[in-house]
């Protein structure tokens, strides 16, 4: 008699081979490692937390940790990367009639309105917010944050340029707008961290307050008759009222 060959799960027993179940189990392990890492970073400091300590919290091996993360740094920024992906997705979907800075503003505020649920599926929101504060106060992580910001700004500038129908490599305005926006976001992080209220609502309020300080020079659409970049930059032969006014002020002072 030939041995019985099973082609499927036995009745009443879950099919552990099903990709959906396997993927969910992997996701739970990754989330557990991520939560343990962030909580240890917050409690003991990033530099003082080892991979051994993280895996001990979850009762898995180092090998398992490195299946999901290249190292502590990747774990420290994993949820933030998810939040950033959410922001760029929201930005791409903003109405076409919104000028660049308005689209950036509305995208970041909308992100803070609904990203909490996405964060909560991975780690408690308060853990993520405290991890943001940790990044601001840890030199090694802040350096990584600045490096990542450069990469993120390039992607966002290309999204803005595509929305406005301009060439990001020939027209400086998308990069100027995004650099301005990113600078405000970095200031927002510092002000929020110093304020004592580490809630999402507080972060959103500080973000909105800082964005309110931006002037109108980049606020309008650039397509369809917007100011020429060369003129805005004050190139030879271009009319630059601000430059003429400044030059007249200098001459008046010398006189």
Protein backbone atom coordinates (compact mmCIF):
# COMPACT_ATOMS: atom_id res chain seq x y z
CA UNK A 1 0.00 0.00 0.00
CA UNK A 2 1.34 3.39 -0.93
CA UNK A 3 1.84 5.85 1.90
CA UNK A 4 -0.88 8.47 2.21
CA UNK A 5 0.09 11.74 0.59
CA UNK A 6 -1.56 14.84 1.99
CA UNK A 7 -2.41 17.46 -0.60
CA UNK A 8 -4.07 19.87 1.78
CA UNK A 9 -4.63 20.61 5.45
CA UNK A 10 -6.34 18.06 7.63
CA UNK A 11 -9.93 18.86 8.47
CA UNK A 12 -10.19 21.21 11.42
CA UNK A 13 -6.47 22.14 11.33
CA UNK A 14 -5.36 25.59 10.04
CA UNK A 15 -3.32 25.57 6.85
CA UNK A 16 0.03 26.91 8.05
CA UNK A 17 1.29 26.78 4.49
CA UNK A 18 -1.18 29.41 3.31
CA UNK A 19 0.73 32.55 2.20
CA UNK A 20 -1.75 34.85 3.92
CA UNK A 21 -1.25 33.24 7.31
CA UNK A 22 2.51 33.05 6.87
CA UNK A 23 2.72 36.71 5.94
CA UNK A 24 0.58 37.73 8.90
CA UNK A 25 2.84 35.79 11.24
CA UNK A 26 5.91 37.49 9.76
CA UNK A 27 4.24 40.88 10.12
CA UNK A 28 3.43 40.20 13.78
CA UNK A 29 7.06 39.25 14.44
CA UNK A 30 8.32 42.38 12.69
CA UNK A 31 5.89 44.60 14.58
CA UNK A 32 6.88 43.02 17.90
CA UNK A 33 10.57 43.60 17.18
CA UNK A 34 9.88 47.17 16.11
CA UNK A 35 7.85 47.97 19.20
CA UNK A 36 10.47 46.40 21.48
CA UNK A 37 13.25 48.35 19.75
CA UNK A 38 11.48 51.71 20.01
CA UNK A 39 10.50 51.18 23.64
CA UNK A 40 14.06 50.21 24.57
CA UNK A 41 15.48 53.19 22.64
CA UNK A 42 13.12 55.50 24.53
CA UNK A 43 13.78 53.92 27.92
CA UNK A 44 17.52 53.26 27.77
CA UNK A 45 18.72 55.44 24.88
CA UNK A 46 19.56 54.47 21.33
CA UNK A 47 23.29 54.03 21.91
CA UNK A 48 22.74 51.90 25.02
CA UNK A 49 20.33 49.48 23.37
CA UNK A 50 21.76 46.37 21.71
CA UNK A 51 20.22 44.02 19.20
CA UNK A 52 20.60 41.29 21.85
CA UNK A 53 18.38 43.28 24.20
CA UNK A 54 15.73 43.75 21.49
CA UNK A 55 15.52 40.09 20.53
CA UNK A 56 15.46 39.06 24.18
CA UNK A 57 12.30 41.13 24.65
CA UNK A 58 10.58 39.26 21.81
CA UNK A 59 12.19 35.88 22.55
CA UNK A 60 13.62 35.40 19.07
CA UNK A 61 17.14 35.05 17.71
CA UNK A 62 19.44 37.72 16.29
CA UNK A 63 19.08 35.96 12.97
CA UNK A 64 15.35 36.64 13.08
CA UNK A 65 15.95 40.34 13.80
CA UNK A 66 18.24 40.68 10.80
CA UNK A 67 15.65 39.08 8.55
CA UNK A 68 13.54 42.20 9.07
CA UNK A 69 16.02 44.99 9.74
CA UNK A 70 19.55 45.73 8.55
CA UNK A 71 20.33 47.07 12.00
CA UNK A 72 19.18 49.34 14.83
CA UNK A 73 19.14 52.39 12.58
CA UNK A 74 16.61 50.88 10.21
CA UNK A 75 14.39 49.91 13.14
CA UNK A 76 14.61 53.43 14.58
CA UNK A 77 13.27 54.95 11.35
CA UNK A 78 10.88 52.21 10.20
CA UNK A 79 7.65 53.86 11.34
CA UNK A 80 8.83 57.30 10.27
CA UNK A 81 9.50 55.91 6.79
CA UNK A 82 5.93 54.62 6.71
CA UNK A 83 4.64 58.06 7.72
CA UNK A 84 6.73 59.72 5.00
CA UNK A 85 5.37 57.31 2.37
CA UNK A 86 1.88 58.19 3.54
CA UNK A 87 2.64 61.91 3.14
CA UNK A 88 3.97 61.56 -0.43
CA UNK A 89 0.92 59.47 -1.37
CA UNK A 90 -1.40 62.17 0.00
CA UNK A 91 0.59 64.87 -1.83
CA UNK A 92 0.22 63.07 -5.16
CA UNK A 93 -3.54 63.02 -4.65
CA UNK A 94 -3.99 66.72 -3.77
CA UNK A 95 -6.25 68.67 -6.18
CA UNK A 96 -4.44 70.04 -9.23
CA UNK A 97 -5.76 73.56 -8.58
CA UNK A 98 -3.74 73.88 -5.35
CA UNK A 99 -0.51 75.88 -5.75
CA UNK A 100 2.71 74.13 -4.65
CA UNK A 101 3.04 75.37 -1.06
CA UNK A 102 -0.69 75.01 -0.46
CA UNK A 103 -0.57 71.40 -1.69
CA UNK A 104 2.39 70.69 0.61
CA UNK A 105 0.63 72.34 3.53
CA UNK A 106 -2.65 70.51 3.03
CA UNK A 107 -0.86 67.19 2.48
CA UNK A 108 1.09 67.37 5.73
CA UNK A 109 -1.93 68.50 7.77
CA UNK A 110 -4.13 65.81 6.21
CA UNK A 111 -1.43 63.25 6.98
CA UNK A 112 -1.45 64.17 10.67
CA UNK A 113 -5.25 63.90 10.61
CA UNK A 114 -5.36 60.27 9.53
CA UNK A 115 -1.93 58.70 9.90
CA UNK A 116 -2.53 57.84 13.57
CA UNK A 117 -4.58 54.80 12.64
CA UNK A 118 -1.81 53.49 10.38
CA UNK A 119 0.78 53.99 13.11
CA UNK A 120 -1.42 52.29 15.68
CA UNK A 121 -1.46 49.11 13.59
CA UNK A 122 2.30 48.85 14.14
CA UNK A 123 3.08 50.54 17.47
CA UNK A 124 1.16 52.71 19.95
CA UNK A 125 1.04 56.31 18.70
CA UNK A 126 2.61 57.65 21.89
CA UNK A 127 5.59 55.31 21.37
CA UNK A 128 6.08 56.68 17.85
CA UNK A 129 5.80 60.31 19.02
CA UNK A 130 8.38 59.70 21.76
CA UNK A 131 10.62 58.05 19.19
CA UNK A 132 10.39 61.23 17.11
CA UNK A 133 11.56 63.20 20.13
CA UNK A 134 14.37 60.69 20.63
CA UNK A 135 15.61 61.28 17.08
CA UNK A 136 15.68 65.04 17.68
CA UNK A 137 17.77 64.58 20.83
CA UNK A 138 20.19 61.87 19.63
CA UNK A 139 23.07 63.22 17.51
CA UNK A 140 23.67 59.95 15.65
CA UNK A 141 20.00 59.65 14.71
CA UNK A 142 19.65 63.34 13.88
CA UNK A 143 22.52 63.03 11.40
CA UNK A 144 20.73 60.12 9.74
CA UNK A 145 17.52 62.14 9.73
CA UNK A 146 19.19 64.98 7.86
CA UNK A 147 20.65 62.57 5.29
CA UNK A 148 17.27 60.98 4.76
CA UNK A 149 15.68 64.42 4.40
CA UNK A 150 17.89 65.19 1.41
CA UNK A 151 16.71 62.04 -0.33
CA UNK A 152 13.09 62.73 0.55
CA UNK A 153 13.28 66.34 -0.65
CA UNK A 154 14.38 65.20 -4.08
CA UNK A 155 11.34 62.94 -4.43
CA UNK A 156 8.96 65.62 -3.19
CA UNK A 157 10.48 68.25 -5.52
CA UNK A 158 9.85 65.94 -8.47
CA UNK A 159 6.23 65.48 -7.40
CA UNK A 160 5.77 69.26 -7.12
CA UNK A 161 7.43 69.85 -10.50
CA UNK A 162 5.19 67.28 -12.16
CA UNK A 163 2.10 68.94 -10.65
CA UNK A 164 3.17 72.33 -12.00
CA UNK A 165 4.37 71.03 -15.37
CA UNK A 166 7.94 72.31 -15.00
CA UNK A 167 11.33 70.63 -15.36
CA UNK A 168 12.78 70.03 -11.90
CA UNK A 169 16.32 70.05 -13.30
CA UNK A 170 15.91 73.33 -15.19
CA UNK A 171 13.54 75.30 -12.96
CA UNK A 172 14.82 75.93 -9.40
CA UNK A 173 11.41 76.69 -7.90
CA UNK A 174 10.34 73.12 -7.02
CA UNK A 175 13.54 72.54 -5.04
CA UNK A 176 13.38 75.99 -3.44
CA UNK A 177 9.77 75.43 -2.38
CA UNK A 178 10.52 71.99 -0.97
CA UNK A 179 13.68 73.20 0.80
CA UNK A 180 11.61 75.97 2.38
CA UNK A 181 8.88 73.53 3.39
CA UNK A 182 11.40 71.03 4.79
CA UNK A 183 13.12 73.76 6.79
CA UNK A 184 9.79 74.65 8.38
CA UNK A 185 9.17 70.97 9.13
CA UNK A 186 12.53 70.68 10.89
CA UNK A 187 11.76 73.80 12.93
CA UNK A 188 8.35 72.33 13.75
CA UNK A 189 9.99 69.21 15.15
CA UNK A 190 12.24 71.24 17.42
CA UNK A 191 9.46 73.51 18.68
CA UNK A 192 7.11 70.58 19.24
CA UNK A 193 9.78 68.65 21.15
CA UNK A 194 10.46 71.61 23.43
CA UNK A 195 6.78 72.20 24.14
CA UNK A 196 6.09 69.29 26.47
CA UNK A 197 2.90 68.11 24.75
CA UNK A 198 3.91 65.06 22.70
CA UNK A 199 0.48 64.37 21.19
CA UNK A 200 -0.32 64.16 17.49
CA UNK A 201 -2.74 67.07 17.94
CA UNK A 202 0.08 69.19 19.33
CA UNK A 203 2.38 68.28 16.43
CA UNK A 204 -0.33 69.21 13.95
CA UNK A 205 -1.01 72.52 15.67
CA UNK A 206 2.68 73.49 15.74
CA UNK A 207 3.03 72.46 12.09
CA UNK A 208 0.08 74.62 11.06
CA UNK A 209 1.32 77.59 13.08
CA UNK A 210 4.79 77.43 11.50
CA UNK A 211 3.41 77.03 7.97
CA UNK A 212 1.28 80.12 8.55
CA UNK A 213 4.51 82.15 8.65
CA UNK A 214 5.46 81.40 5.03
CA UNK A 215 5.22 84.41 2.73
CA UNK A 216 3.47 84.57 -0.66
CA UNK A 217 6.56 84.52 -2.91
CA UNK A 218 6.24 80.78 -3.63
CA UNK A 219 2.57 80.44 -2.83
CA UNK A 220 1.04 80.88 -6.30
CA UNK A 221 0.97 78.57 -9.31
CA UNK A 222 3.99 78.78 -11.64
CA UNK A 223 2.28 77.48 -14.75
CA UNK A 224 0.33 79.68 -17.10
CA UNK A 225 2.12 82.99 -16.88
CA UNK A 226 4.01 82.63 -13.63
CA UNK A 227 7.16 84.68 -13.09
CA UNK A 228 10.13 83.53 -15.12
CA UNK A 229 12.78 81.80 -12.98
CA UNK A 230 15.54 83.94 -14.51
CA UNK A 231 13.66 87.08 -13.55
CA UNK A 232 13.10 85.80 -10.04
CA UNK A 233 16.79 85.02 -9.72
CA UNK A 234 17.80 88.48 -10.91
CA UNK A 235 19.82 87.35 -13.94
CA UNK A 236 21.36 90.04 -16.20
CA UNK A 237 18.72 91.74 -18.29
CA UNK A 238 15.89 90.55 -16.08
CA UNK A 239 13.61 92.90 -14.19
CA UNK A 240 13.89 92.35 -10.47
CA UNK A 241 11.90 94.96 -8.52
CA UNK A 242 13.14 93.71 -5.16
CA UNK A 243 16.75 93.98 -6.32
CA UNK A 244 16.23 97.50 -7.70
CA UNK A 245 14.60 98.61 -4.46
CA UNK A 246 17.46 97.18 -2.39
CA UNK A 247 20.04 98.90 -4.62
CA UNK A 248 18.24 102.25 -4.26
CA UNK A 249 18.21 101.87 -0.50
CA UNK A 250 21.97 101.29 -0.46
CA UNK A 251 22.60 104.37 -2.65
CA UNK A 252 20.39 106.52 -0.44
CA UNK A 253 22.29 105.38 2.63
CA UNK A 254 25.67 106.16 1.03
CA UNK A 255 24.47 109.63 0.05
